[in-house]
Amino acid sequence: MTAKTMQYTCPTCGEATQNPVGTGEDMAALGLKSHRNLSDLTRPDAGYLNSPNRSGGPPMTTDGIVVHYTAGRYDGTVGWFQNPASQVSAHFVVARDGRRTQMVPLPDPDTEGPRDGKYKAWHCKSGNGRYFGIEHEYGYPGATGPSDWTEEMLDSSAELAAYLCALYSIPIQLELDPATRDWFTGFGGHYNVPDNDHTDPGPYFPWDFYLSRVTDYTSRLVQSPDGALTMAGGGTPYRTL
């Protein structure tokens, strides 16, 4: 296989990194697409309750983020994801009032680092190895209108998504329409991921507003005096649990 190099330039810090890629190789084969200046990025506060429903093996390729909604209430969803019998999980669950819980460890942003990054959440079948999953509280199956998406929930989720985008070089973009099932880079709904039959987040998810909030939170990354990038307003240091 002929090898070539792809360069990625971080829009926040300007660091350019070189990534080897083979001819005809899918972007997913590149593995983690992070770089060292973001390894000390602080993350938004989120409690951690471990889900046993996860896969090992090779690290995620971190191509994007899948937006979901839950079929139950926030606390019930967190409990369901902790139940081995459910056979489902997500990286994060976000409540209508903005509360959030992490349930599956994130890949280590430093591929040579000590933290375990092999786990993948069980949220979108064949897309589990490619995408992070963020679940949003609904409490019933299906959207009735834009008011079902509270600003507190969207804002809380957008902060998490901005962190993931910065840490793993995920572009803030929506490539596919809701009727298309195909692999994407950036953001998509559960309805976009191949080998799935779900319809969330439904027709009323405010993608433009949500992605604008993700962009806003990403722009709050600031350079600290010691050269490390942090989230404006502080926060706890990144740790994969």
Protein backbone atom coordinates (compact mmCIF):
# COMPACT_ATOMS: atom_id res chain seq x y z
CA MET A 1 0.00 0.00 0.00
CA THR A 2 1.40 3.40 -0.93
CA ALA A 3 1.77 5.69 2.05
CA LYS A 4 1.13 9.41 2.05
CA THR A 5 0.85 12.07 4.70
CA MET A 6 -2.13 14.22 5.61
CA GLN A 7 -1.58 17.45 7.50
CA TYR A 8 -4.08 18.77 10.04
CA THR A 9 -3.80 22.31 11.42
CA CYS A 10 -5.63 23.01 14.66
CA PRO A 11 -7.90 26.04 14.21
CA THR A 12 -7.47 26.94 17.88
CA CYS A 13 -3.74 26.74 18.56
CA GLY A 14 -2.35 26.61 15.00
CA GLU A 15 -0.26 23.49 15.58
CA ALA A 16 0.19 21.39 12.44
CA THR A 17 0.43 17.61 12.75
CA GLN A 18 1.30 15.01 10.13
CA ASN A 19 -0.82 11.84 9.90
CA PRO A 20 0.26 8.89 7.73
CA VAL A 21 -2.53 7.47 5.57
CA GLY A 22 -2.44 4.71 2.98
CA THR A 23 -3.77 5.08 -0.55
CA GLY A 24 -7.45 4.23 -0.61
CA GLU A 25 -7.54 4.04 3.16
CA ASP A 26 -10.66 5.23 4.92
CA MET A 27 -10.32 8.15 7.31
CA ALA A 28 -11.46 5.79 10.05
CA ALA A 29 -8.16 3.93 9.71
CA LEU A 30 -6.21 6.96 10.90
CA GLY A 31 -7.06 6.23 14.52
CA LEU A 32 -6.93 9.01 17.09
CA LYS A 33 -6.51 12.41 15.45
CA SER A 34 -5.47 14.43 18.47
CA HIS A 35 -2.26 16.36 19.07
CA ARG A 36 -0.16 17.14 22.08
CA ASN A 37 -1.21 20.75 22.72
CA LEU A 38 -4.70 19.57 23.59
CA SER A 39 -3.69 16.74 25.89
CA ASP A 40 -4.09 18.99 28.94
CA LEU A 41 -7.44 20.43 27.91
CA THR A 42 -9.79 20.65 30.86
CA ARG A 43 -13.23 19.17 30.44
CA PRO A 44 -16.62 20.39 31.57
CA ASP A 45 -17.76 19.05 34.92
CA ALA A 46 -19.67 15.79 34.59
CA GLY A 47 -20.21 13.08 37.13
CA TYR A 48 -19.14 9.55 36.25
CA LEU A 49 -21.24 6.41 36.71
CA ASN A 50 -19.72 3.42 34.99
CA SER A 51 -21.63 1.37 32.42
CA PRO A 52 -20.56 -2.25 31.97
CA ASN A 53 -21.97 -2.15 28.44
CA ARG A 54 -18.88 -1.37 26.37
CA SER A 55 -16.43 -3.02 23.99
CA GLY A 56 -12.68 -3.36 24.14
CA GLY A 57 -10.28 -3.85 21.27
CA PRO A 58 -8.64 -1.12 19.15
CA PRO A 59 -9.21 2.53 20.13
CA MET A 60 -12.03 4.51 18.59
CA THR A 61 -11.30 6.42 15.40
CA THR A 62 -13.21 9.43 16.82
CA ASP A 63 -14.77 10.51 13.53
CA GLY A 64 -17.69 12.34 15.07
CA ILE A 65 -20.55 12.66 17.52
CA VAL A 66 -23.97 11.00 17.31
CA VAL A 67 -26.92 12.88 18.82
CA HIS A 68 -29.57 10.70 20.49
CA TYR A 69 -32.66 11.15 22.60
CA THR A 70 -33.69 8.82 25.40
CA ALA A 71 -36.89 6.80 25.62
CA GLY A 72 -37.03 7.40 29.38
CA ARG A 73 -36.25 10.00 31.98
CA TYR A 74 -32.71 11.04 32.83
CA ASP A 75 -32.26 9.03 36.03
CA GLY A 76 -33.94 6.01 34.51
CA THR A 77 -31.69 6.15 31.47
CA VAL A 78 -28.54 6.35 33.61
CA GLY A 79 -29.76 3.34 35.58
CA TRP A 80 -30.65 1.44 32.40
CA PHE A 81 -27.18 2.02 30.98
CA GLN A 82 -25.72 0.59 34.21
CA ASN A 83 -27.76 -2.59 33.79
CA PRO A 84 -25.82 -5.34 31.95
CA ALA A 85 -29.11 -6.73 30.64
CA SER A 86 -29.85 -3.57 28.67
CA GLN A 87 -26.86 -4.07 26.35
CA VAL A 88 -26.82 -0.33 25.59
CA SER A 89 -24.82 2.70 26.76
CA ALA A 90 -23.58 6.11 25.68
CA HIS A 91 -20.60 8.24 26.58
CA PHE A 92 -22.81 10.96 28.07
CA VAL A 93 -26.41 11.42 29.18
CA VAL A 94 -27.75 14.99 29.43
CA ALA A 95 -30.90 15.96 31.35
CA ARG A 96 -33.48 18.55 30.33
CA ASP A 97 -32.24 20.80 33.16
CA GLY A 98 -28.61 20.53 32.03
CA ARG A 99 -27.32 17.83 34.40
CA ARG A 100 -24.98 15.35 32.74
CA THR A 101 -23.31 12.04 33.48
CA GLN A 102 -20.41 10.31 31.75
CA MET A 103 -20.83 6.54 31.52
CA VAL A 104 -18.04 5.18 29.30
CA PRO A 105 -14.34 6.19 29.39
CA LEU A 106 -13.05 8.40 26.61
CA PRO A 107 -10.00 7.46 24.53
CA ASP A 108 -6.78 8.92 25.84
CA PRO A 109 -5.94 12.03 23.78
CA ASP A 110 -2.29 11.02 23.96
CA THR A 111 -1.91 7.72 22.13
CA GLU A 112 1.26 7.07 24.15
CA GLY A 113 -0.42 8.03 27.41
CA PRO A 114 -1.27 5.84 30.40
CA ARG A 115 -5.05 6.12 30.35
CA ASP A 116 -7.06 3.31 28.81
CA GLY A 117 -8.76 4.36 25.58
CA LYS A 118 -9.91 1.05 24.21
CA TYR A 119 -13.54 1.19 25.32
CA LYS A 120 -16.44 1.97 23.01
CA ALA A 121 -20.02 2.71 24.05
CA TRP A 122 -22.88 0.62 22.67
CA HIS A 123 -25.06 3.32 21.14
CA CYS A 124 -25.08 2.91 17.35
CA LYS A 125 -24.09 -0.66 16.43
CA SER A 126 -21.50 -0.63 13.63
CA GLY A 127 -20.77 3.02 14.38
CA ASN A 128 -19.63 2.35 17.93
CA GLY A 129 -15.97 2.31 16.91
CA ARG A 130 -16.30 5.64 15.08
CA TYR A 131 -18.56 7.90 17.10
CA PHE A 132 -19.12 9.34 20.55
CA GLY A 133 -22.72 9.16 21.73
CA ILE A 134 -24.58 11.91 23.62
CA GLU A 135 -28.06 11.00 24.87
CA HIS A 136 -30.60 13.76 25.58
CA GLU A 137 -33.52 13.33 27.97
CA TYR A 138 -36.95 13.13 26.41
CA GLY A 139 -38.97 10.74 28.49
CA TYR A 140 -41.14 9.51 25.67
CA PRO A 141 -40.48 8.10 22.17
CA GLY A 142 -40.63 10.92 19.66
CA ALA A 143 -40.48 14.68 19.35
CA THR A 144 -43.57 16.84 19.15
CA GLY A 145 -41.94 20.17 18.49
CA PRO A 146 -38.95 22.48 19.01
CA SER A 147 -39.95 23.18 22.63
CA ASP A 148 -39.00 19.62 23.54
CA TRP A 149 -35.35 20.64 23.26
CA THR A 150 -34.65 22.84 26.27
CA GLU A 151 -31.93 25.47 26.06
CA GLU A 152 -30.39 24.16 29.30
CA MET A 153 -30.03 20.70 27.80
CA LEU A 154 -28.69 21.90 24.47
CA ASP A 155 -26.21 24.25 26.11
CA SER A 156 -24.92 21.55 28.45
CA SER A 157 -24.57 19.09 25.58
CA ALA A 158 -22.86 21.65 23.35
CA GLU A 159 -20.19 22.26 25.98
CA LEU A 160 -19.44 18.53 26.08
CA ALA A 161 -19.40 18.35 22.28
CA ALA A 162 -17.03 21.33 22.03
CA TYR A 163 -14.63 19.58 24.37
CA LEU A 164 -14.73 16.43 22.26
CA CYS A 165 -14.27 18.39 19.03
CA ALA A 166 -11.22 20.19 20.40
CA LEU A 167 -9.66 17.11 21.93
CA TYR A 168 -10.12 14.78 18.95
CA SER A 169 -10.07 17.23 16.00
CA ILE A 170 -13.72 16.60 15.13
CA PRO A 171 -15.04 19.20 12.66
CA ILE A 172 -18.13 21.14 13.68
CA GLN A 173 -20.22 20.27 10.64
CA LEU A 174 -23.37 18.42 9.62
CA GLU A 175 -22.74 16.46 6.42
CA LEU A 176 -25.94 14.46 5.99
CA ASP A 177 -29.67 15.17 5.88
CA PRO A 178 -31.97 13.15 8.17
CA ALA A 179 -33.06 10.82 5.36
CA THR A 180 -29.51 9.66 4.56
CA ARG A 181 -27.80 6.74 6.27
CA ASP A 182 -24.09 6.90 5.61
CA TRP A 183 -20.78 7.40 7.39
CA PHE A 184 -20.04 11.01 8.24
CA THR A 185 -17.36 13.16 9.81
CA GLY A 186 -18.51 15.69 12.36
CA PHE A 187 -22.06 15.55 13.70
CA GLY A 188 -25.02 13.36 12.84
CA GLY A 189 -28.16 11.82 14.24
CA HIS A 190 -28.75 8.22 15.18
CA TYR A 191 -30.86 8.19 12.03
CA ASN A 192 -27.73 8.72 9.91
CA VAL A 193 -25.59 5.80 11.10
CA PRO A 194 -25.64 2.72 8.81
CA ASP A 195 -26.98 -0.56 10.21
CA ASN A 196 -29.41 1.29 12.52
CA ASP A 197 -33.18 1.74 12.35
CA HIS A 198 -33.62 4.51 14.94
CA THR A 199 -35.13 7.89 14.07
CA ASP A 200 -33.67 10.07 16.84
CA PRO A 201 -33.08 12.89 17.38
CA GLY A 202 -36.20 13.48 15.30
CA PRO A 203 -37.27 16.23 12.91
CA TYR A 204 -37.27 19.07 15.44
CA PHE A 205 -33.72 18.91 16.69
CA PRO A 206 -32.34 22.49 16.26
CA TRP A 207 -29.11 21.66 14.50
CA ASP A 208 -28.22 25.26 13.57
CA PHE A 209 -28.62 26.48 17.14
CA TYR A 210 -26.81 23.48 18.58
CA LEU A 211 -23.80 23.70 16.28
CA SER A 212 -23.56 27.46 16.86
CA ARG A 213 -23.36 26.76 20.60
CA VAL A 214 -20.68 24.11 20.01
CA THR A 215 -18.71 26.67 17.99
CA ASP A 216 -19.15 29.25 20.74
CA TYR A 217 -17.85 26.93 23.43
CA THR A 218 -14.93 25.91 21.24
CA SER A 219 -13.99 29.59 20.82
CA ARG A 220 -13.66 29.85 24.61
CA LEU A 221 -10.50 27.77 24.57
CA VAL A 222 -7.74 30.00 25.87
CA GLN A 223 -3.98 29.76 26.10
CA SER A 224 -2.77 29.54 29.68
CA PRO A 225 0.58 31.04 30.83
CA ASP A 226 2.22 27.59 30.87
CA GLY A 227 1.22 26.94 27.26
CA ALA A 228 -1.53 24.44 27.99
CA LEU A 229 -4.96 24.93 26.49
CA THR A 230 -7.82 25.18 28.97
CA MET A 231 -11.54 25.82 28.89
CA ALA A 232 -12.33 29.41 29.82
CA GLY A 233 -13.85 29.54 33.29
CA GLY A 234 -11.70 26.72 34.61
CA GLY A 235 -12.91 23.20 35.28
CA THR A 236 -11.44 19.94 36.47
CA PRO A 237 -8.40 18.42 34.69
CA TYR A 238 -9.18 15.79 32.07
CA ARG A 239 -9.14 12.26 33.38
CA THR A 240 -10.47 9.16 31.69
CA LEU A 241 -12.09 7.09 34.42
